Amino acid sequence: MEYRIGKRFSFDAAHHLEGLTSGHKCARVHGHTYTVEVVLAADRLSGPGFVTDFGDLAPFSDFLDKHFDHRDLNEVMNVPPTSELVATHLAHWFIDNLEPLIPGRLVSMRVAETPGSWAEYTPPGRD
């Protein structure tokens, strides 16, 4: 049996994408209110019955606030700041920095630039 939880975070940031066709609107600098959804899983519940206490995810919120909120993602990331690559970047940060401190494991990281579109990254071996 596996248990899953999810938590949403948000930040506001600008970006632009290079290498697009002439006149493509995403080639111009523009901004989004990004929504980031973290999905965690565990085979057993810990404490009073948690996959992970939602309060234990505060360091991830702090990381987003400090490094992504009201930033130009082209200056923050070493790769093009597409939703797919933002999700990948955030998942790796989460796995390296927060996952060792909590009982749950990251299953997927979802990033949405708009309410109607999102990209999801699932680290290898975690689906």
C-alpha atoms as a PDB file:
ATOM      1  CA  MET A   1       0.000   0.000   0.000  1.00  0.00           C
ATOM      2  CA  GLU A   2       1.239   3.495  -0.785  1.00  0.00           C
ATOM      3  CA  TYR A   3       0.050   6.813   0.577  1.00  0.00           C
ATOM      4  CA  ARG A   4       0.391  10.094  -1.347  1.00  0.00           C
ATOM      5  CA  ILE A   5       0.028  13.743  -0.473  1.00  0.00           C
ATOM      6  CA  GLY A   6       0.398  16.925  -2.473  1.00  0.00           C
ATOM      7  CA  LYS A   7       1.080  20.531  -1.637  1.00  0.00           C
ATOM      8  CA  ARG A   8       0.932  23.614  -3.858  1.00  0.00           C
ATOM      9  CA  PHE A   9       3.226  26.619  -3.730  1.00  0.00           C
ATOM     10  CA  SER A  10       3.398  29.695  -5.947  1.00  0.00           C
ATOM     11  CA  PHE A  11       5.810  32.386  -7.011  1.00  0.00           C
ATOM     12  CA  ASP A  12       5.857  35.219  -9.542  1.00  0.00           C
ATOM     13  CA  ALA A  13       8.688  35.434 -12.046  1.00  0.00           C
ATOM     14  CA  ALA A  14       9.647  36.610 -15.522  1.00  0.00           C
ATOM     15  CA  HIS A  15      11.377  34.726 -18.320  1.00  0.00           C
ATOM     16  CA  HIS A  16      11.812  34.514 -22.053  1.00  0.00           C
ATOM     17  CA  LEU A  17      12.658  31.620 -24.330  1.00  0.00           C
ATOM     18  CA  GLU A  18      15.308  31.797 -27.002  1.00  0.00           C
ATOM     19  CA  GLY A  19      15.373  29.861 -30.256  1.00  0.00           C
ATOM     20  CA  LEU A  20      11.684  30.259 -31.036  1.00  0.00           C
ATOM     21  CA  THR A  21      10.287  31.348 -34.372  1.00  0.00           C
ATOM     22  CA  SER A  22      10.257  35.048 -35.148  1.00  0.00           C
ATOM     23  CA  GLY A  23       7.350  36.779 -33.471  1.00  0.00           C
ATOM     24  CA  HIS A  24       6.625  33.974 -30.978  1.00  0.00           C
ATOM     25  CA  LYS A  25       5.196  35.658 -27.880  1.00  0.00           C
ATOM     26  CA  CYS A  26       7.288  33.545 -25.499  1.00  0.00           C
ATOM     27  CA  ALA A  27      10.472  34.969 -27.026  1.00  0.00           C
ATOM     28  CA  ARG A  28       9.611  38.310 -25.413  1.00  0.00           C
ATOM     29  CA  VAL A  29      10.197  38.904 -21.720  1.00  0.00           C
ATOM     30  CA  HIS A  30       6.983  38.134 -19.878  1.00  0.00           C
ATOM     31  CA  GLY A  31       5.878  36.964 -16.466  1.00  0.00           C
ATOM     32  CA  HIS A  32       3.735  34.323 -14.829  1.00  0.00           C
ATOM     33  CA  THR A  33       2.347  33.437 -11.467  1.00  0.00           C
ATOM     34  CA  TYR A  34       3.796  29.947 -11.313  1.00  0.00           C
ATOM     35  CA  THR A  35       2.098  27.189  -9.345  1.00  0.00           C
ATOM     36  CA  VAL A  36       4.331  24.371  -8.143  1.00  0.00           C
ATOM     37  CA  GLU A  37       2.798  21.126  -6.916  1.00  0.00           C
ATOM     38  CA  VAL A  38       4.874  18.631  -4.955  1.00  0.00           C
ATOM     39  CA  VAL A  39       3.618  15.036  -4.692  1.00  0.00           C
ATOM     40  CA  LEU A  40       5.118  12.866  -1.953  1.00  0.00           C
ATOM     41  CA  ALA A  41       4.605   9.181  -1.174  1.00  0.00           C
ATOM     42  CA  ALA A  42       5.346   6.730   1.615  1.00  0.00           C
ATOM     43  CA  ASP A  43       4.678   3.049   2.175  1.00  0.00           C
ATOM     44  CA  ARG A  44       4.020   3.698   5.871  1.00  0.00           C
ATOM     45  CA  LEU A  45       2.633   6.654   7.752  1.00  0.00           C
ATOM     46  CA  SER A  46       4.777   8.330  10.384  1.00  0.00           C
ATOM     47  CA  GLY A  47       3.963  10.317  13.504  1.00  0.00           C
ATOM     48  CA  PRO A  48       0.242  10.670  14.031  1.00  0.00           C
ATOM     49  CA  GLY A  49      -0.477   9.349  10.516  1.00  0.00           C
ATOM     50  CA  PHE A  50       1.410  11.515   8.008  1.00  0.00           C
ATOM     51  CA  VAL A  51       3.268  10.811   4.795  1.00  0.00           C
ATOM     52  CA  THR A  52       5.104  14.008   5.709  1.00  0.00           C
ATOM     53  CA  ASP A  53       3.955  16.810   7.965  1.00  0.00           C
ATOM     54  CA  PHE A  54       3.040  19.680   5.615  1.00  0.00           C
ATOM     55  CA  GLY A  55       4.928  22.010   7.965  1.00  0.00           C
ATOM     56  CA  ASP A  56       8.145  20.128   7.172  1.00  0.00           C
ATOM     57  CA  LEU A  57       7.904  21.435   3.594  1.00  0.00           C
ATOM     58  CA  ALA A  58       8.524  25.037   4.722  1.00  0.00           C
ATOM     59  CA  PRO A  59      12.186  24.947   3.565  1.00  0.00           C
ATOM     60  CA  PHE A  60      10.969  24.362   0.004  1.00  0.00           C
ATOM     61  CA  SER A  61       8.670  27.384   0.254  1.00  0.00           C
ATOM     62  CA  ASP A  62      11.579  29.407   1.625  1.00  0.00           C
ATOM     63  CA  PHE A  63      13.788  28.274  -1.286  1.00  0.00           C
ATOM     64  CA  LEU A  64      11.165  29.366  -3.825  1.00  0.00           C
ATOM     65  CA  ASP A  65      10.709  32.720  -2.091  1.00  0.00           C
ATOM     66  CA  LYS A  66      14.439  33.405  -1.927  1.00  0.00           C
ATOM     67  CA  HIS A  67      15.585  32.139  -5.331  1.00  0.00           C
ATOM     68  CA  PHE A  68      12.581  32.258  -7.685  1.00  0.00           C
ATOM     69  CA  ASP A  69       9.975  34.758  -6.515  1.00  0.00           C
ATOM     70  CA  HIS A  70      10.108  38.072  -8.397  1.00  0.00           C
ATOM     71  CA  ARG A  71      13.192  36.975 -10.333  1.00  0.00           C
ATOM     72  CA  ASP A  72      14.115  36.640 -13.980  1.00  0.00           C
ATOM     73  CA  LEU A  73      14.349  32.872 -14.430  1.00  0.00           C
ATOM     74  CA  ASN A  74      16.835  33.335 -17.271  1.00  0.00           C
ATOM     75  CA  GLU A  75      19.226  34.709 -14.636  1.00  0.00           C
ATOM     76  CA  VAL A  76      18.377  32.044 -12.025  1.00  0.00           C
ATOM     77  CA  MET A  77      18.729  28.909 -14.159  1.00  0.00           C
ATOM     78  CA  ASN A  78      21.554  27.564 -16.303  1.00  0.00           C
ATOM     79  CA  VAL A  79      19.067  26.029 -18.764  1.00  0.00           C
ATOM     80  CA  PRO A  80      16.139  27.524 -20.682  1.00  0.00           C
ATOM     81  CA  PRO A  81      13.398  28.276 -18.133  1.00  0.00           C
ATOM     82  CA  THR A  82      10.632  26.172 -19.639  1.00  0.00           C
ATOM     83  CA  SER A  83       8.094  24.698 -17.235  1.00  0.00           C
ATOM     84  CA  GLU A  84       9.565  21.260 -17.888  1.00  0.00           C
ATOM     85  CA  LEU A  85      13.068  22.352 -16.912  1.00  0.00           C
ATOM     86  CA  VAL A  86      11.870  24.415 -13.939  1.00  0.00           C
ATOM     87  CA  ALA A  87      10.091  21.276 -12.660  1.00  0.00           C
ATOM     88  CA  THR A  88      13.251  19.214 -13.159  1.00  0.00           C
ATOM     89  CA  HIS A  89      15.417  21.801 -11.386  1.00  0.00           C
ATOM     90  CA  LEU A  90      13.036  22.058  -8.429  1.00  0.00           C
ATOM     91  CA  ALA A  91      12.709  18.274  -8.130  1.00  0.00           C
ATOM     92  CA  HIS A  92      16.471  17.831  -7.954  1.00  0.00           C
ATOM     93  CA  TRP A  93      16.764  20.576  -5.339  1.00  0.00           C
ATOM     94  CA  PHE A  94      13.988  18.933  -3.307  1.00  0.00           C
ATOM     95  CA  ILE A  95      15.584  15.466  -3.505  1.00  0.00           C
ATOM     96  CA  ASP A  96      19.054  16.749  -2.615  1.00  0.00           C
ATOM     97  CA  ASN A  97      18.125  19.227   0.111  1.00  0.00           C
ATOM     98  CA  LEU A  98      14.804  18.352   1.714  1.00  0.00           C
ATOM     99  CA  GLU A  99      14.041  14.701   1.071  1.00  0.00           C
ATOM    100  CA  PRO A 100      16.830  13.441   3.398  1.00  0.00           C
ATOM    101  CA  LEU A 101      15.146  15.330   6.263  1.00  0.00           C
ATOM    102  CA  ILE A 102      11.553  14.097   5.842  1.00  0.00           C
ATOM    103  CA  PRO A 103       9.885  10.673   5.912  1.00  0.00           C
ATOM    104  CA  GLY A 104       8.162  10.888   2.485  1.00  0.00           C
ATOM    105  CA  ARG A 105       9.807  10.674  -0.934  1.00  0.00           C
ATOM    106  CA  LEU A 106       9.199  12.924  -3.917  1.00  0.00           C
ATOM    107  CA  VAL A 107       7.080  11.254  -6.597  1.00  0.00           C
ATOM    108  CA  SER A 108       6.639  14.188  -8.948  1.00  0.00           C
ATOM    109  CA  MET A 109       7.039  17.927  -9.346  1.00  0.00           C
ATOM    110  CA  ARG A 110       4.438  19.801 -11.383  1.00  0.00           C
ATOM    111  CA  VAL A 111       4.886  23.398 -12.581  1.00  0.00           C
ATOM    112  CA  ALA A 112       2.098  25.478 -14.123  1.00  0.00           C
ATOM    113  CA  GLU A 113       2.580  28.854 -15.806  1.00  0.00           C
ATOM    114  CA  THR A 114      -1.177  29.294 -16.238  1.00  0.00           C
ATOM    115  CA  PRO A 115      -4.231  27.663 -14.652  1.00  0.00           C
ATOM    116  CA  GLY A 116      -4.766  25.592 -17.795  1.00  0.00           C
ATOM    117  CA  SER A 117      -1.294  24.272 -18.605  1.00  0.00           C
ATOM    118  CA  TRP A 118       1.399  22.467 -16.650  1.00  0.00           C
ATOM    119  CA  ALA A 119       4.516  20.340 -16.980  1.00  0.00           C
ATOM    120  CA  GLU A 120       5.415  17.457 -14.698  1.00  0.00           C
ATOM    121  CA  TYR A 121       8.739  15.825 -13.906  1.00  0.00           C
ATOM    122  CA  THR A 122       8.926  12.387 -12.318  1.00  0.00           C
ATOM    123  CA  PRO A 123      12.439  11.444 -11.184  1.00  0.00           C
ATOM    124  CA  PRO A 124      13.594   8.049 -12.501  1.00  0.00           C
ATOM    125  CA  GLY A 125      12.268   5.062 -10.576  1.00  0.00           C
ATOM    126  CA  ARG A 126       9.642   7.029  -8.647  1.00  0.00           C
ATOM    127  CA  ASP A 127       6.400   6.569 -10.573  1.00  0.00           C
END
